[in-house]
Amino acid sequence: MRVEILIRNIRENKNIKLDKLAELSGISKGTLSKIERNEQQPKLITMLLIAKALKCNITELYKIHF
């Protein structure tokens, strides 16, 4: 599964709106939206901030499902 899909799935499963994730992570809503639409590839620090905001381990955001 792709990173952007995992981020969106985890966020939605935790009932966190994009606005709230932006607030929690310190990443703009626009940037998060671009990441979730696969229009921007996140840097590692961005992924760490997203993982922390979602209260998940960063490895959850990089899971590969076959």
PDB file of N, CA and C in Angstrom:
ATOM      1  N   MET A   1       0.850  -1.177   0.000  1.00  0.00           N
ATOM      2  CA  MET A   1       0.000   0.000   0.000  1.00  0.00           C
ATOM      3  C   MET A   1       0.893   1.236   0.000  1.00  0.00           C
ATOM      4  N   ARG A   2       0.482   2.247  -0.690  1.00  0.00           N
ATOM      5  CA  ARG A   2       1.291   3.457  -0.811  1.00  0.00           C
ATOM      6  C   ARG A   2       1.177   4.323   0.440  1.00  0.00           C
ATOM      7  N   VAL A   3       2.217   5.100   0.678  1.00  0.00           N
ATOM      8  CA  VAL A   3       2.310   5.942   1.872  1.00  0.00           C
ATOM      9  C   VAL A   3       1.107   6.861   2.008  1.00  0.00           C
ATOM     10  N   GLU A   4       0.725   7.513   0.933  1.00  0.00           N
ATOM     11  CA  GLU A   4      -0.382   8.474   1.019  1.00  0.00           C
ATOM     12  C   GLU A   4      -1.694   7.796   1.410  1.00  0.00           C
ATOM     13  N   ILE A   5      -1.894   6.580   0.951  1.00  0.00           N
ATOM     14  CA  ILE A   5      -3.110   5.838   1.302  1.00  0.00           C
ATOM     15  C   ILE A   5      -3.060   5.432   2.771  1.00  0.00           C
ATOM     16  N   LEU A   6      -1.904   5.000   3.243  1.00  0.00           N
ATOM     17  CA  LEU A   6      -1.766   4.622   4.652  1.00  0.00           C
ATOM     18  C   LEU A   6      -2.008   5.816   5.568  1.00  0.00           C
ATOM     19  N   ILE A   7      -1.459   6.963   5.215  1.00  0.00           N
ATOM     20  CA  ILE A   7      -1.678   8.161   6.037  1.00  0.00           C
ATOM     21  C   ILE A   7      -3.159   8.469   6.122  1.00  0.00           C
ATOM     22  N   ARG A   8      -3.821   8.495   4.984  1.00  0.00           N
ATOM     23  CA  ARG A   8      -5.254   8.811   4.962  1.00  0.00           C
ATOM     24  C   ARG A   8      -6.051   7.772   5.748  1.00  0.00           C
ATOM     25  N   ASN A   9      -5.739   6.494   5.555  1.00  0.00           N
ATOM     26  CA  ASN A   9      -6.478   5.436   6.260  1.00  0.00           C
ATOM     27  C   ASN A   9      -6.313   5.545   7.768  1.00  0.00           C
ATOM     28  N   ILE A  10      -5.087   5.742   8.234  1.00  0.00           N
ATOM     29  CA  ILE A  10      -4.850   5.864   9.678  1.00  0.00           C
ATOM     30  C   ILE A  10      -5.567   7.104  10.211  1.00  0.00           C
ATOM     31  N   ARG A  11      -5.454   8.210   9.498  1.00  0.00           N
ATOM     32  CA  ARG A  11      -6.108   9.455   9.921  1.00  0.00           C
ATOM     33  C   ARG A  11      -7.616   9.270  10.006  1.00  0.00           C
ATOM     34  N   GLU A  12      -8.206   8.690   8.996  1.00  0.00           N
ATOM     35  CA  GLU A  12      -9.656   8.500   8.985  1.00  0.00           C
ATOM     36  C   GLU A  12     -10.105   7.481  10.027  1.00  0.00           C
ATOM     37  N   ASN A  13      -9.327   6.411  10.232  1.00  0.00           N
ATOM     38  CA  ASN A  13      -9.671   5.423  11.258  1.00  0.00           C
ATOM     39  C   ASN A  13      -9.638   6.016  12.651  1.00  0.00           C
ATOM     40  N   LYS A  14      -8.830   7.039  12.849  1.00  0.00           N
ATOM     41  CA  LYS A  14      -8.742   7.709  14.150  1.00  0.00           C
ATOM     42  C   LYS A  14      -9.664   8.924  14.209  1.00  0.00           C
ATOM     43  N   ASN A  15     -10.479   9.098  13.178  1.00  0.00           N
ATOM     44  CA  ASN A  15     -11.426  10.211  13.085  1.00  0.00           C
ATOM     45  C   ASN A  15     -10.755  11.571  13.258  1.00  0.00           C
ATOM     46  N   ILE A  16      -9.625  11.736  12.600  1.00  0.00           N
ATOM     47  CA  ILE A  16      -8.894  12.996  12.636  1.00  0.00           C
ATOM     48  C   ILE A  16      -9.072  13.690  11.288  1.00  0.00           C
ATOM     49  N   LYS A  17      -9.620  14.879  11.328  1.00  0.00           N
ATOM     50  CA  LYS A  17      -9.788  15.669  10.109  1.00  0.00           C
ATOM     51  C   LYS A  17      -8.435  16.233   9.674  1.00  0.00           C
ATOM     52  N   LEU A  18      -8.337  16.580   8.421  1.00  0.00           N
ATOM     53  CA  LEU A  18      -7.096  17.121   7.876  1.00  0.00           C
ATOM     54  C   LEU A  18      -6.682  18.398   8.621  1.00  0.00           C
ATOM     55  N   ASP A  19      -7.649  19.238   8.963  1.00  0.00           N
ATOM     56  CA  ASP A  19      -7.358  20.461   9.726  1.00  0.00           C
ATOM     57  C   ASP A  19      -6.690  20.134  11.052  1.00  0.00           C
ATOM     58  N   LYS A  20      -7.214  19.134  11.723  1.00  0.00           N
ATOM     59  CA  LYS A  20      -6.683  18.748  13.033  1.00  0.00           C
ATOM     60  C   LYS A  20      -5.285  18.160  12.893  1.00  0.00           C
ATOM     61  N   LEU A  21      -5.071  17.333  11.870  1.00  0.00           N
ATOM     62  CA  LEU A  21      -3.745  16.769  11.644  1.00  0.00           C
ATOM     63  C   LEU A  21      -2.737  17.888  11.370  1.00  0.00           C
ATOM     64  N   ALA A  22      -3.155  18.890  10.634  1.00  0.00           N
ATOM     65  CA  ALA A  22      -2.277  20.034  10.373  1.00  0.00           C
ATOM     66  C   ALA A  22      -1.915  20.728  11.684  1.00  0.00           C
ATOM     67  N   GLU A  23      -2.890  20.922  12.521  1.00  0.00           N
ATOM     68  CA  GLU A  23      -2.652  21.560  13.821  1.00  0.00           C
ATOM     69  C   GLU A  23      -1.719  20.717  14.691  1.00  0.00           C
ATOM     70  N   LEU A  24      -1.967  19.419  14.751  1.00  0.00           N
ATOM     71  CA  LEU A  24      -1.173  18.525  15.601  1.00  0.00           C
ATOM     72  C   LEU A  24       0.260  18.346  15.109  1.00  0.00           C
ATOM     73  N   SER A  25       0.428  18.354  13.793  1.00  0.00           N
ATOM     74  CA  SER A  25       1.745  18.066  13.220  1.00  0.00           C
ATOM     75  C   SER A  25       2.581  19.304  12.937  1.00  0.00           C
ATOM     76  N   GLY A  26       1.914  20.451  12.810  1.00  0.00           N
ATOM     77  CA  GLY A  26       2.637  21.664  12.431  1.00  0.00           C
ATOM     78  C   GLY A  26       2.915  21.740  10.936  1.00  0.00           C
ATOM     79  N   ILE A  27       2.258  20.878  10.185  1.00  0.00           N
ATOM     80  CA  ILE A  27       2.398  20.843   8.725  1.00  0.00           C
ATOM     81  C   ILE A  27       1.133  21.469   8.140  1.00  0.00           C
ATOM     82  N   SER A  28       1.284  22.296   7.145  1.00  0.00           N
ATOM     83  CA  SER A  28       0.115  22.983   6.597  1.00  0.00           C
ATOM     84  C   SER A  28      -0.896  21.981   6.023  1.00  0.00           C
ATOM     85  N   LYS A  29      -2.147  22.382   6.082  1.00  0.00           N
ATOM     86  CA  LYS A  29      -3.218  21.555   5.521  1.00  0.00           C
ATOM     87  C   LYS A  29      -2.987  21.316   4.033  1.00  0.00           C
ATOM     88  N   GLY A  30      -2.514  22.342   3.338  1.00  0.00           N
ATOM     89  CA  GLY A  30      -2.241  22.211   1.906  1.00  0.00           C
ATOM     90  C   GLY A  30      -1.186  21.161   1.612  1.00  0.00           C
ATOM     91  N   THR A  31      -0.120  21.169   2.406  1.00  0.00           N
ATOM     92  CA  THR A  31       0.940  20.179   2.219  1.00  0.00           C
ATOM     93  C   THR A  31       0.422  18.781   2.515  1.00  0.00           C
ATOM     94  N   LEU A  32      -0.318  18.632   3.603  1.00  0.00           N
ATOM     95  CA  LEU A  32      -0.886  17.317   3.939  1.00  0.00           C
ATOM     96  C   LEU A  32      -1.817  16.831   2.845  1.00  0.00           C
ATOM     97  N   SER A  33      -2.612  17.730   2.318  1.00  0.00           N
ATOM     98  CA  SER A  33      -3.527  17.374   1.240  1.00  0.00           C
ATOM     99  C   SER A  33      -2.761  16.901   0.005  1.00  0.00           C
ATOM    100  N   LYS A  34      -1.683  17.601  -0.335  1.00  0.00           N
ATOM    101  CA  LYS A  34      -0.867  17.194  -1.484  1.00  0.00           C
ATOM    102  C   LYS A  34      -0.236  15.823  -1.249  1.00  0.00           C
ATOM    103  N   ILE A  35       0.205  15.572  -0.022  1.00  0.00           N
ATOM    104  CA  ILE A  35       0.790  14.266   0.300  1.00  0.00           C
ATOM    105  C   ILE A  35      -0.262  13.176   0.134  1.00  0.00           C
ATOM    106  N   GLU A  36      -1.463  13.407   0.669  1.00  0.00           N
ATOM    107  CA  GLU A  36      -2.519  12.391   0.578  1.00  0.00           C
ATOM    108  C   GLU A  36      -2.994  12.173  -0.856  1.00  0.00           C
ATOM    109  N   ARG A  37      -2.848  13.158  -1.709  1.00  0.00           N
ATOM    110  CA  ARG A  37      -3.228  13.018  -3.128  1.00  0.00           C
ATOM    111  C   ARG A  37      -2.055  12.568  -3.988  1.00  0.00           C
ATOM    112  N   ASN A  38      -0.920  12.262  -3.347  1.00  0.00           N
ATOM    113  CA  ASN A  38       0.292  11.817  -4.032  1.00  0.00           C
ATOM    114  C   ASN A  38       0.811  12.865  -5.015  1.00  0.00           C
ATOM    115  N   GLU A  39       0.640  14.138  -4.675  1.00  0.00           N
ATOM    116  CA  GLU A  39       1.160  15.223  -5.493  1.00  0.00           C
ATOM    117  C   GLU A  39       2.487  15.738  -4.938  1.00  0.00           C
ATOM    118  N   GLN A  40       2.830  15.292  -3.740  1.00  0.00           N
ATOM    119  CA  GLN A  40       4.080  15.707  -3.103  1.00  0.00           C
ATOM    120  C   GLN A  40       4.618  14.539  -2.291  1.00  0.00           C
ATOM    121  N   GLN A  41       5.900  14.270  -2.440  1.00  0.00           N
ATOM    122  CA  GLN A  41       6.534  13.208  -1.663  1.00  0.00           C
ATOM    123  C   GLN A  41       7.063  13.810  -0.360  1.00  0.00           C
ATOM    124  N   PRO A  42       6.630  13.261   0.772  1.00  0.00           N
ATOM    125  CA  PRO A  42       7.059  13.828   2.050  1.00  0.00           C
ATOM    126  C   PRO A  42       8.498  13.469   2.391  1.00  0.00           C
ATOM    127  N   LYS A  43       9.178  14.406   3.039  1.00  0.00           N
ATOM    128  CA  LYS A  43      10.516  14.153   3.550  1.00  0.00           C
ATOM    129  C   LYS A  43      10.382  13.326   4.817  1.00  0.00           C
ATOM    130  N   LEU A  44      11.480  12.735   5.251  1.00  0.00           N
ATOM    131  CA  LEU A  44      11.466  11.902   6.449  1.00  0.00           C
ATOM    132  C   LEU A  44      10.990  12.681   7.667  1.00  0.00           C
ATOM    133  N   ILE A  45      11.444  13.915   7.852  1.00  0.00           N
ATOM    134  CA  ILE A  45      11.024  14.705   9.011  1.00  0.00           C
ATOM    135  C   ILE A  45       9.518  14.945   8.982  1.00  0.00           C
ATOM    136  N   THR A  46       8.972  15.141   7.791  1.00  0.00           N
ATOM    137  CA  THR A  46       7.522  15.313   7.649  1.00  0.00           C
ATOM    138  C   THR A  46       6.800  14.053   8.076  1.00  0.00           C
ATOM    139  N   MET A  47       7.314  12.912   7.655  1.00  0.00           N
ATOM    140  CA  MET A  47       6.706  11.635   8.037  1.00  0.00           C
ATOM    141  C   MET A  47       6.781  11.424   9.551  1.00  0.00           C
ATOM    142  N   LEU A  48       7.889  11.831  10.157  1.00  0.00           N
ATOM    143  CA  LEU A  48       8.016  11.708  11.616  1.00  0.00           C
ATOM    144  C   LEU A  48       6.981  12.582  12.326  1.00  0.00           C
ATOM    145  N   LEU A  49       6.779  13.798  11.831  1.00  0.00           N
ATOM    146  CA  LEU A  49       5.784  14.688  12.426  1.00  0.00           C
ATOM    147  C   LEU A  49       4.365  14.146  12.253  1.00  0.00           C
ATOM    148  N   ILE A  50       4.084  13.581  11.097  1.00  0.00           N
ATOM    149  CA  ILE A  50       2.764  12.994  10.850  1.00  0.00           C
ATOM    150  C   ILE A  50       2.538  11.798  11.773  1.00  0.00           C
ATOM    151  N   ALA A  51       3.529  10.926  11.877  1.00  0.00           N
ATOM    152  CA  ALA A  51       3.416   9.751  12.742  1.00  0.00           C
ATOM    153  C   ALA A  51       3.176  10.160  14.192  1.00  0.00           C
ATOM    154  N   LYS A  52       3.920  11.155  14.644  1.00  0.00           N
ATOM    155  CA  LYS A  52       3.748  11.627  16.022  1.00  0.00           C
ATOM    156  C   LYS A  52       2.345  12.189  16.227  1.00  0.00           C
ATOM    157  N   ALA A  53       1.867  12.977  15.282  1.00  0.00           N
ATOM    158  CA  ALA A  53       0.530  13.565  15.378  1.00  0.00           C
ATOM    159  C   ALA A  53      -0.559  12.498  15.363  1.00  0.00           C
ATOM    160  N   LEU A  54      -0.338  11.424  14.600  1.00  0.00           N
ATOM    161  CA  LEU A  54      -1.318  10.337  14.521  1.00  0.00           C
ATOM    162  C   LEU A  54      -1.127   9.309  15.646  1.00  0.00           C
ATOM    163  N   LYS A  55      -0.107   9.527  16.456  1.00  0.00           N
ATOM    164  CA  LYS A  55       0.212   8.622  17.562  1.00  0.00           C
ATOM    165  C   LYS A  55       0.398   7.194  17.059  1.00  0.00           C
ATOM    166  N   CYS A  56       1.225   7.089  16.045  1.00  0.00           N
ATOM    167  CA  CYS A  56       1.553   5.779  15.504  1.00  0.00           C
ATOM    168  C   CYS A  56       3.049   5.709  15.258  1.00  0.00           C
ATOM    169  N   ASN A  57       3.534   4.529  15.111  1.00  0.00           N
ATOM    170  CA  ASN A  57       4.945   4.326  14.811  1.00  0.00           C
ATOM    171  C   ASN A  57       5.162   4.645  13.338  1.00  0.00           C
ATOM    172  N   ILE A  58       6.263   5.278  13.033  1.00  0.00           N
ATOM    173  CA  ILE A  58       6.527   5.664  11.638  1.00  0.00           C
ATOM    174  C   ILE A  58       6.528   4.448  10.713  1.00  0.00           C
ATOM    175  N   THR A  59       6.883   3.287  11.232  1.00  0.00           N
ATOM    176  CA  THR A  59       6.891   2.092  10.381  1.00  0.00           C
ATOM    177  C   THR A  59       5.489   1.754   9.885  1.00  0.00           C
ATOM    178  N   GLU A  60       4.449   2.160  10.622  1.00  0.00           N
ATOM    179  CA  GLU A  60       3.074   1.928  10.165  1.00  0.00           C
ATOM    180  C   GLU A  60       2.786   2.694   8.876  1.00  0.00           C
ATOM    181  N   LEU A  61       3.469   3.806   8.691  1.00  0.00           N
ATOM    182  CA  LEU A  61       3.242   4.622   7.498  1.00  0.00           C
ATOM    183  C   LEU A  61       3.989   4.089   6.280  1.00  0.00           C
ATOM    184  N   TYR A  62       4.863   3.129   6.504  1.00  0.00           N
ATOM    185  CA  TYR A  62       5.642   2.548   5.404  1.00  0.00           C
ATOM    186  C   TYR A  62       5.354   1.071   5.186  1.00  0.00           C
ATOM    187  N   LYS A  63       4.247   0.573   5.746  1.00  0.00           N
ATOM    188  CA  LYS A  63       3.902  -0.840   5.568  1.00  0.00           C
ATOM    189  C   LYS A  63       3.651  -1.132   4.108  1.00  0.00           C
ATOM    190  N   ILE A  64       4.068  -2.299   3.699  1.00  0.00           N
ATOM    191  CA  ILE A  64       3.816  -2.744   2.337  1.00  0.00           C
ATOM    192  C   ILE A  64       2.936  -3.975   2.422  1.00  0.00           C
ATOM    193  N   HIS A  65       1.820  -3.935   1.739  1.00  0.00           N
ATOM    194  CA  HIS A  65       0.884  -5.053   1.748  1.00  0.00           C
ATOM    195  C   HIS A  65       0.938  -5.744   0.387  1.00  0.00           C
ATOM    196  N   PHE A  66       1.051  -7.055   0.425  1.00  0.00           N
ATOM    197  CA  PHE A  66       1.109  -7.822  -0.816  1.00  0.00           C
ATOM    198  C   PHE A  66      -0.208  -8.522  -1.061  1.00  0.00           C
TER     199      PHE A  66
END
